[in-house]
Structure formats: C-alpha cells, structure tokens
Amino acid sequence: MSKSITIAIDGYSSTGKGTLARALAAELKYNYIDTGAMYRAVTWYGMQHGLVYGDEVKKDELIDELQSLSIEFRFVESAGKSELFINGENREKEIRTPEVTASVSAVSAISEIRKNMVQLQRSWGERGGIVMEGRDIGTVVFPNAELKIFLTARPEVRAQRRFDEWKSQGKDVAFDEVYEDLKTRDHKDSTRADSPLEQAEDALLLDNSELTPEEQLKVALSWAHDKIQ
C-alpha cells in the first residue's frame, strides 16, 4: 500500500494555487484545505462586525472575536467541491469579493490571528493524505511536508487571470486597478513581519505562466508520485 503524504502548495496571489490543489487532491483522493479562504473568513467576519475596513483593523477586538468564530470546510454536492462555512453558514461567495481581497493582507499579517489559523490547520493535517495551499504552508504550517511546491507566474499574467475571473462574475473592475492591487498584495505578503511569503529551501518551483491547468497538474502529479512510492 502506498503511503499518504502531506503536500504543501505556496505561492503568490492568483497563481492558481487553489486550482492546482483541488485537482491534485481529487486525483490522489486526498483532503484539500484552502488556507487563504480561512484568512478571508476572518476578514469577512471582521467586516461584518465593523472591525475591518480597508487596511484599518481593530486588532484587539478582532482577536477577541476569534473565540466566537467557527471555520470549517464541507463538501457541497451541488458545487462538487468543498466550500467554506462560517458559524454553520456557507460563505464561499461572500469571502471572494474584491472588498475582502483588498483587506485580507492586513488581517493575515496579525500574529495572533496567524497563530490561531496555523493551530487549526495543523489539527486538520496530522494524519497526512492532505493537500494544503496558502502562503506559509511549507515554511510554517508543515515544514516537514514530504512535497512542497511553490507556484509563481509573471505579474501581468496573474493580473489578467484575476481580472478575467472578476469580469466573469459581473464585477466592474479595471485591469490597471487589478494589477496595482496585486502588486500591493505581493509586497505586503512578502514583507510582513510574521510568516512572510517565501519559497522553502526544499520546495519545487513551478512557474505556470505558460502552462494550462492540465499541464501544471501533470507536473505536480509526477512529483507527488515520486514522493508516494
């Protein structure tokens, strides 16, 4: 019987970490955890309670609210995938708005929130057989993961992907605005004091600027099978 491993996928915003992680988990029959959605959940919750507005965060009050916040992933049959629930309610669509995107870096930079989320993430991944994606999975959450993948792509390619995604959802956005927001988020993620975005020394680099989702999955699957055998 082949062993179950932990796969950590990190990378910049809009590199397709979720797309790759979901597909890889499905192929391997592993559990998939979107850690970025967890920080989006905290951000959305804070916005609903008047604690988050843009880059302004009422830090102490938001930290206190964590004890009243339940985050979980449930498989939704109609969607054919796992979606995020906050306090028992499906909030998958709400956490994906441009407003949440604009504020999530400020929230995820708070050490106490990161520690809370990391503890939860580790509790889910103790048994292996998991694909987890985010920005510090291979460096902080699972530094001993058997397979670490760091995704990257050229900024203009990533901005176009985000722009196309939001336009398809009917959101009125300009490409230049999306591009500037992405550069700002890259800077915040890479320079924050707590768990900055960086490639783990033993992570395999996958630049998908010119790859289709199917092509990048083929590469990742070959790496995974090498570790599983």
C-alpha atoms as a PDB file:
ATOM      1  CA  MET A   1       0.000   0.000   0.000  1.00  0.00           C
ATOM      2  CA  SER A   2       1.335   3.430  -0.943  1.00  0.00           C
ATOM      3  CA  LYS A   3       1.860   5.888   1.885  1.00  0.00           C
ATOM      4  CA  SER A   4      -0.188   9.043   2.418  1.00  0.00           C
ATOM      5  CA  ILE A   5       1.851  12.227   2.362  1.00  0.00           C
ATOM      6  CA  THR A   6       1.333  15.893   3.142  1.00  0.00           C
ATOM      7  CA  ILE A   7       1.554  18.239   0.166  1.00  0.00           C
ATOM      8  CA  ALA A   8       2.159  21.942   0.778  1.00  0.00           C
ATOM      9  CA  ILE A   9       1.485  24.403  -2.045  1.00  0.00           C
ATOM     10  CA  ASP A  10       2.576  28.009  -1.575  1.00  0.00           C
ATOM     11  CA  GLY A  11       2.831  30.926  -3.943  1.00  0.00           C
ATOM     12  CA  TYR A  12       1.812  34.396  -4.965  1.00  0.00           C
ATOM     13  CA  SER A  13      -1.736  35.666  -5.358  1.00  0.00           C
ATOM     14  CA  SER A  14      -3.568  34.491  -8.497  1.00  0.00           C
ATOM     15  CA  THR A  15      -1.056  31.807  -9.425  1.00  0.00           C
ATOM     16  CA  GLY A  16      -3.786  29.175  -9.372  1.00  0.00           C
ATOM     17  CA  LYS A  17      -2.843  27.527  -6.076  1.00  0.00           C
ATOM     18  CA  GLY A  18      -6.452  26.572  -5.408  1.00  0.00           C
ATOM     19  CA  THR A  19      -6.976  25.177  -8.896  1.00  0.00           C
ATOM     20  CA  LEU A  20      -3.885  23.001  -8.625  1.00  0.00           C
ATOM     21  CA  ALA A  21      -4.525  21.930  -5.032  1.00  0.00           C
ATOM     22  CA  ARG A  22      -8.128  20.892  -5.700  1.00  0.00           C
ATOM     23  CA  ALA A  23      -7.195  18.936  -8.811  1.00  0.00           C
ATOM     24  CA  LEU A  24      -4.234  17.269  -7.127  1.00  0.00           C
ATOM     25  CA  ALA A  25      -6.322  16.297  -4.108  1.00  0.00           C
ATOM     26  CA  ALA A  26      -9.023  14.851  -6.372  1.00  0.00           C
ATOM     27  CA  GLU A  27      -6.507  12.775  -8.348  1.00  0.00           C
ATOM     28  CA  LEU A  28      -4.860  11.427  -5.197  1.00  0.00           C
ATOM     29  CA  LYS A  29      -8.126  11.165  -3.234  1.00  0.00           C
ATOM     30  CA  TYR A  30      -6.667  13.443  -0.554  1.00  0.00           C
ATOM     31  CA  ASN A  31      -8.353  16.111   1.542  1.00  0.00           C
ATOM     32  CA  TYR A  32      -7.975  19.682   0.292  1.00  0.00           C
ATOM     33  CA  ILE A  33      -7.659  22.730   2.554  1.00  0.00           C
ATOM     34  CA  ASP A  34      -7.672  26.319   1.225  1.00  0.00           C
ATOM     35  CA  THR A  35      -5.886  28.250   3.966  1.00  0.00           C
ATOM     36  CA  GLY A  36      -6.277  31.535   2.139  1.00  0.00           C
ATOM     37  CA  ALA A  37     -10.035  31.124   2.478  1.00  0.00           C
ATOM     38  CA  MET A  38      -9.591  30.905   6.234  1.00  0.00           C
ATOM     39  CA  TYR A  39      -7.996  34.352   6.389  1.00  0.00           C
ATOM     40  CA  ARG A  40     -10.696  35.614   4.049  1.00  0.00           C
ATOM     41  CA  ALA A  41     -13.239  34.223   6.507  1.00  0.00           C
ATOM     42  CA  VAL A  42     -11.733  36.154   9.399  1.00  0.00           C
ATOM     43  CA  THR A  43     -11.595  39.276   7.227  1.00  0.00           C
ATOM     44  CA  TRP A  44     -15.218  38.972   6.120  1.00  0.00           C
ATOM     45  CA  TYR A  45     -16.336  38.301   9.685  1.00  0.00           C
ATOM     46  CA  GLY A  46     -14.429  41.347  10.877  1.00  0.00           C
ATOM     47  CA  MET A  47     -16.002  43.496   8.172  1.00  0.00           C
ATOM     48  CA  GLN A  48     -19.475  42.337   9.208  1.00  0.00           C
ATOM     49  CA  HIS A  49     -18.763  43.394  12.775  1.00  0.00           C
ATOM     50  CA  GLY A  50     -17.250  46.770  11.929  1.00  0.00           C
ATOM     51  CA  LEU A  51     -13.729  45.689  12.852  1.00  0.00           C
ATOM     52  CA  VAL A  52     -12.125  45.719   9.393  1.00  0.00           C
ATOM     53  CA  TYR A  53     -12.266  48.485   6.808  1.00  0.00           C
ATOM     54  CA  GLY A  54      -9.647  48.559   4.057  1.00  0.00           C
ATOM     55  CA  ASP A  55      -6.247  48.361   5.750  1.00  0.00           C
ATOM     56  CA  GLU A  56      -7.719  49.551   9.041  1.00  0.00           C
ATOM     57  CA  VAL A  57      -8.194  46.717  11.537  1.00  0.00           C
ATOM     58  CA  LYS A  58      -9.365  46.931  15.133  1.00  0.00           C
ATOM     59  CA  LYS A  59      -6.791  44.336  16.066  1.00  0.00           C
ATOM     60  CA  ASP A  60      -7.581  43.601  19.717  1.00  0.00           C
ATOM     61  CA  GLU A  61     -11.330  43.380  19.158  1.00  0.00           C
ATOM     62  CA  LEU A  62     -10.895  41.133  16.122  1.00  0.00           C
ATOM     63  CA  ILE A  63      -8.613  38.798  18.075  1.00  0.00           C
ATOM     64  CA  ASP A  64     -11.216  38.612  20.849  1.00  0.00           C
ATOM     65  CA  GLU A  65     -13.876  37.685  18.273  1.00  0.00           C
ATOM     66  CA  LEU A  66     -11.942  34.581  17.192  1.00  0.00           C
ATOM     67  CA  GLN A  67     -13.444  32.637  20.091  1.00  0.00           C
ATOM     68  CA  SER A  68     -16.894  33.229  18.568  1.00  0.00           C
ATOM     69  CA  LEU A  69     -15.785  32.255  15.056  1.00  0.00           C
ATOM     70  CA  SER A  70     -16.159  28.724  13.711  1.00  0.00           C
ATOM     71  CA  ILE A  71     -14.467  27.946  10.377  1.00  0.00           C
ATOM     72  CA  GLU A  72     -14.880  24.632   8.571  1.00  0.00           C
ATOM     73  CA  PHE A  73     -14.861  23.144   5.103  1.00  0.00           C
ATOM     74  CA  ARG A  74     -17.763  20.990   3.963  1.00  0.00           C
ATOM     75  CA  PHE A  75     -18.242  19.144   0.692  1.00  0.00           C
ATOM     76  CA  VAL A  76     -21.175  20.728  -1.176  1.00  0.00           C
ATOM     77  CA  GLU A  77     -22.783  18.203  -3.504  1.00  0.00           C
ATOM     78  CA  SER A  78     -24.328  20.790  -5.836  1.00  0.00           C
ATOM     79  CA  ALA A  79     -20.961  22.542  -6.276  1.00  0.00           C
ATOM     80  CA  GLY A  80     -18.967  19.326  -6.470  1.00  0.00           C
ATOM     81  CA  LYS A  81     -16.315  20.689  -4.110  1.00  0.00           C
ATOM     82  CA  SER A  82     -15.555  21.702  -0.541  1.00  0.00           C
ATOM     83  CA  GLU A  83     -16.709  25.183   0.425  1.00  0.00           C
ATOM     84  CA  LEU A  84     -16.121  27.354   3.474  1.00  0.00           C
ATOM     85  CA  PHE A  85     -18.675  27.681   6.252  1.00  0.00           C
ATOM     86  CA  ILE A  86     -18.607  30.359   8.940  1.00  0.00           C
ATOM     87  CA  ASN A  87     -20.565  29.551  12.075  1.00  0.00           C
ATOM     88  CA  GLY A  88     -22.519  26.920  10.167  1.00  0.00           C
ATOM     89  CA  GLU A  89     -23.384  29.114   7.147  1.00  0.00           C
ATOM     90  CA  ASN A  90     -21.940  28.744   3.648  1.00  0.00           C
ATOM     91  CA  ARG A  91     -19.975  31.951   2.973  1.00  0.00           C
ATOM     92  CA  GLU A  92     -17.934  30.808  -0.028  1.00  0.00           C
ATOM     93  CA  LYS A  93     -19.208  33.610  -2.293  1.00  0.00           C
ATOM     94  CA  GLU A  94     -19.046  36.348   0.326  1.00  0.00           C
ATOM     95  CA  ILE A  95     -15.357  35.784   1.113  1.00  0.00           C
ATOM     96  CA  ARG A  96     -14.334  36.088  -2.565  1.00  0.00           C
ATOM     97  CA  THR A  97     -15.393  39.707  -3.142  1.00  0.00           C
ATOM     98  CA  PRO A  98     -12.919  42.456  -4.150  1.00  0.00           C
ATOM     99  CA  GLU A  99     -13.623  44.187  -0.827  1.00  0.00           C
ATOM    100  CA  VAL A 100     -12.444  41.170   1.149  1.00  0.00           C
ATOM    101  CA  THR A 101      -9.462  40.750  -1.175  1.00  0.00           C
ATOM    102  CA  ALA A 102      -8.417  44.353  -0.514  1.00  0.00           C
ATOM    103  CA  SER A 103      -8.382  43.823   3.267  1.00  0.00           C
ATOM    104  CA  VAL A 104      -7.182  40.266   3.745  1.00  0.00           C
ATOM    105  CA  SER A 105      -3.448  41.033   3.722  1.00  0.00           C
ATOM    106  CA  ALA A 106      -3.831  43.440   6.647  1.00  0.00           C
ATOM    107  CA  VAL A 107      -5.749  40.836   8.643  1.00  0.00           C
ATOM    108  CA  SER A 108      -3.433  37.937   7.788  1.00  0.00           C
ATOM    109  CA  ALA A 109      -0.427  39.977   8.956  1.00  0.00           C
ATOM    110  CA  ILE A 110      -1.676  39.901  12.567  1.00  0.00           C
ATOM    111  CA  SER A 111       0.437  37.387  14.516  1.00  0.00           C
ATOM    112  CA  GLU A 112      -2.287  36.271  16.905  1.00  0.00           C
ATOM    113  CA  ILE A 113      -4.639  35.507  14.017  1.00  0.00           C
ATOM    114  CA  ARG A 114      -1.965  33.593  12.130  1.00  0.00           C
ATOM    115  CA  LYS A 115      -1.160  31.511  15.216  1.00  0.00           C
ATOM    116  CA  ASN A 116      -4.847  30.671  15.653  1.00  0.00           C
ATOM    117  CA  MET A 117      -5.219  29.647  11.997  1.00  0.00           C
ATOM    118  CA  VAL A 118      -1.976  27.622  11.980  1.00  0.00           C
ATOM    119  CA  GLN A 119      -3.116  25.663  15.025  1.00  0.00           C
ATOM    120  CA  LEU A 120      -6.380  24.850  13.263  1.00  0.00           C
ATOM    121  CA  GLN A 121      -4.587  23.921  10.025  1.00  0.00           C
ATOM    122  CA  ARG A 122      -2.186  21.583  11.816  1.00  0.00           C
ATOM    123  CA  SER A 123      -5.056  19.836  13.588  1.00  0.00           C
ATOM    124  CA  TRP A 124      -6.589  19.054  10.181  1.00  0.00           C
ATOM    125  CA  GLY A 125      -3.363  17.751   8.683  1.00  0.00           C
ATOM    126  CA  GLU A 126      -1.988  15.492  11.401  1.00  0.00           C
ATOM    127  CA  ARG A 127      -2.801  12.253   9.571  1.00  0.00           C
ATOM    128  CA  GLY A 128      -1.366  13.060   6.156  1.00  0.00           C
ATOM    129  CA  GLY A 129      -3.282  12.483   2.955  1.00  0.00           C
ATOM    130  CA  ILE A 130      -3.821  16.199   2.624  1.00  0.00           C
ATOM    131  CA  VAL A 131      -3.163  18.957   0.099  1.00  0.00           C
ATOM    132  CA  MET A 132      -2.986  22.375   1.734  1.00  0.00           C
ATOM    133  CA  GLU A 133      -2.328  25.643  -0.066  1.00  0.00           C
ATOM    134  CA  GLY A 134      -1.544  29.118   1.110  1.00  0.00           C
ATOM    135  CA  ARG A 135       1.464  31.358   1.628  1.00  0.00           C
ATOM    136  CA  ASP A 136       3.329  29.778   4.544  1.00  0.00           C
ATOM    137  CA  ILE A 137       2.364  26.115   4.422  1.00  0.00           C
ATOM    138  CA  GLY A 138       5.785  24.722   3.558  1.00  0.00           C
ATOM    139  CA  THR A 139       7.685  27.170   5.754  1.00  0.00           C
ATOM    140  CA  VAL A 140       5.499  27.425   8.888  1.00  0.00           C
ATOM    141  CA  VAL A 141       2.477  25.126   8.980  1.00  0.00           C
ATOM    142  CA  PHE A 142       4.070  21.929   7.634  1.00  0.00           C
ATOM    143  CA  PRO A 143       7.840  22.469   7.400  1.00  0.00           C
ATOM    144  CA  ASN A 144       8.287  18.683   7.240  1.00  0.00           C
ATOM    145  CA  ALA A 145       5.806  18.115   4.395  1.00  0.00           C
ATOM    146  CA  GLU A 146       7.013  15.388   2.057  1.00  0.00           C
ATOM    147  CA  LEU A 147       6.234  17.510  -1.022  1.00  0.00           C
ATOM    148  CA  LYS A 148       6.434  21.290  -1.192  1.00  0.00           C
ATOM    149  CA  ILE A 149       5.508  23.192  -4.344  1.00  0.00           C
ATOM    150  CA  PHE A 150       5.999  26.932  -4.810  1.00  0.00           C
ATOM    151  CA  LEU A 151       3.830  28.401  -7.570  1.00  0.00           C
ATOM    152  CA  THR A 152       4.727  31.546  -9.452  1.00  0.00           C
ATOM    153  CA  ALA A 153       3.803  33.353 -12.654  1.00  0.00           C
ATOM    154  CA  ARG A 154       4.588  36.699 -14.228  1.00  0.00           C
ATOM    155  CA  PRO A 155       2.655  39.591 -12.571  1.00  0.00           C
ATOM    156  CA  GLU A 156       0.858  40.608 -15.761  1.00  0.00           C
ATOM    157  CA  VAL A 157      -0.329  37.018 -16.279  1.00  0.00           C
ATOM    158  CA  ARG A 158      -1.642  36.806 -12.733  1.00  0.00           C
ATOM    159  CA  ALA A 159      -3.379  40.161 -13.019  1.00  0.00           C
ATOM    160  CA  GLN A 160      -5.094  39.066 -16.220  1.00  0.00           C
ATOM    161  CA  ARG A 161      -6.332  35.893 -14.539  1.00  0.00           C
ATOM    162  CA  ARG A 162      -7.805  37.854 -11.623  1.00  0.00           C
ATOM    163  CA  PHE A 163      -9.306  40.444 -13.995  1.00  0.00           C
ATOM    164  CA  ASP A 164     -10.952  37.737 -16.120  1.00  0.00           C
ATOM    165  CA  GLU A 165     -12.287  35.999 -13.013  1.00  0.00           C
ATOM    166  CA  TRP A 166     -13.900  39.130 -11.637  1.00  0.00           C
ATOM    167  CA  LYS A 167     -15.332  40.190 -15.025  1.00  0.00           C
ATOM    168  CA  SER A 168     -16.896  36.737 -15.421  1.00  0.00           C
ATOM    169  CA  GLN A 169     -18.611  37.326 -12.076  1.00  0.00           C
ATOM    170  CA  GLY A 170     -20.032  40.616 -13.281  1.00  0.00           C
ATOM    171  CA  LYS A 171     -17.727  42.806 -11.189  1.00  0.00           C
ATOM    172  CA  ASP A 172     -16.950  46.254 -12.607  1.00  0.00           C
ATOM    173  CA  VAL A 173     -13.148  46.477 -12.372  1.00  0.00           C
ATOM    174  CA  ALA A 174     -10.351  47.944 -14.490  1.00  0.00           C
ATOM    175  CA  PHE A 175      -7.274  45.912 -15.400  1.00  0.00           C
ATOM    176  CA  ASP A 176      -4.891  48.608 -14.144  1.00  0.00           C
ATOM    177  CA  GLU A 177      -6.656  48.598 -10.786  1.00  0.00           C
ATOM    178  CA  VAL A 178      -6.370  44.812 -10.523  1.00  0.00           C
ATOM    179  CA  TYR A 179      -2.691  44.945 -11.492  1.00  0.00           C
ATOM    180  CA  GLU A 180      -1.853  47.592  -8.885  1.00  0.00           C
ATOM    181  CA  ASP A 181      -3.820  45.753  -6.189  1.00  0.00           C
ATOM    182  CA  LEU A 182      -1.918  42.572  -6.991  1.00  0.00           C
ATOM    183  CA  LYS A 183       1.476  44.293  -6.751  1.00  0.00           C
ATOM    184  CA  THR A 184       0.455  45.841  -3.436  1.00  0.00           C
ATOM    185  CA  ARG A 185      -0.629  42.476  -2.074  1.00  0.00           C
ATOM    186  CA  ASP A 186       2.605  40.817  -3.255  1.00  0.00           C
ATOM    187  CA  HIS A 187       4.592  43.435  -1.354  1.00  0.00           C
ATOM    188  CA  LYS A 188       2.531  43.057   1.820  1.00  0.00           C
ATOM    189  CA  ASP A 189       2.666  39.260   1.735  1.00  0.00           C
ATOM    190  CA  SER A 190       6.411  39.177   1.136  1.00  0.00           C
ATOM    191  CA  THR A 191       7.422  41.813   3.695  1.00  0.00           C
ATOM    192  CA  ARG A 192       5.120  41.166   6.662  1.00  0.00           C
ATOM    193  CA  ALA A 193       6.949  40.510   9.911  1.00  0.00           C
ATOM    194  CA  ASP A 194       5.103  37.275  10.743  1.00  0.00           C
ATOM    195  CA  SER A 195       5.436  34.325   8.333  1.00  0.00           C
ATOM    196  CA  PRO A 196       6.200  36.251   5.131  1.00  0.00           C
ATOM    197  CA  LEU A 197       5.623  34.636   1.771  1.00  0.00           C
ATOM    198  CA  GLU A 198       8.836  32.925   0.715  1.00  0.00           C
ATOM    199  CA  GLN A 199       9.902  29.767  -1.046  1.00  0.00           C
ATOM    200  CA  ALA A 200      11.018  26.996   1.296  1.00  0.00           C
ATOM    201  CA  GLU A 201      14.542  25.779   0.585  1.00  0.00           C
ATOM    202  CA  ASP A 202      13.305  22.308  -0.330  1.00  0.00           C
ATOM    203  CA  ALA A 203      10.262  23.442  -2.328  1.00  0.00           C
ATOM    204  CA  LEU A 204       9.999  22.664  -6.025  1.00  0.00           C
ATOM    205  CA  LEU A 205       9.429  25.788  -8.133  1.00  0.00           C
ATOM    206  CA  LEU A 206       6.606  25.658 -10.676  1.00  0.00           C
ATOM    207  CA  ASP A 207       6.228  28.661 -12.995  1.00  0.00           C
ATOM    208  CA  ASN A 208       2.860  28.274 -14.695  1.00  0.00           C
ATOM    209  CA  SER A 209       2.930  31.491 -16.761  1.00  0.00           C
ATOM    210  CA  GLU A 210       2.738  29.458 -19.965  1.00  0.00           C
ATOM    211  CA  LEU A 211       1.047  26.319 -18.635  1.00  0.00           C
ATOM    212  CA  THR A 212      -2.568  25.242 -18.772  1.00  0.00           C
ATOM    213  CA  PRO A 213      -4.176  23.883 -15.575  1.00  0.00           C
ATOM    214  CA  GLU A 214      -3.918  20.393 -17.070  1.00  0.00           C
ATOM    215  CA  GLU A 215      -0.223  20.808 -17.814  1.00  0.00           C
ATOM    216  CA  GLN A 216       0.648  22.065 -14.337  1.00  0.00           C
ATOM    217  CA  LEU A 217      -1.357  19.228 -12.779  1.00  0.00           C
ATOM    218  CA  LYS A 218       0.647  16.707 -14.813  1.00  0.00           C
ATOM    219  CA  VAL A 219       3.901  18.153 -13.440  1.00  0.00           C
ATOM    220  CA  ALA A 220       2.651  18.203  -9.849  1.00  0.00           C
ATOM    221  CA  LEU A 221       1.278  14.670 -10.080  1.00  0.00           C
ATOM    222  CA  SER A 222       4.639  13.349 -11.269  1.00  0.00           C
ATOM    223  CA  TRP A 223       6.319  14.998  -8.278  1.00  0.00           C
ATOM    224  CA  ALA A 224       3.701  13.587  -5.913  1.00  0.00           C
ATOM    225  CA  HIS A 225       4.039  10.028  -7.242  1.00  0.00           C
ATOM    226  CA  ASP A 226       7.807  10.251  -6.798  1.00  0.00           C
ATOM    227  CA  LYS A 227       7.277  11.014  -3.097  1.00  0.00           C
ATOM    228  CA  ILE A 228       4.492   8.492  -2.533  1.00  0.00           C
ATOM    229  CA  GLN A 229       6.310   5.475  -3.993  1.00  0.00           C
END
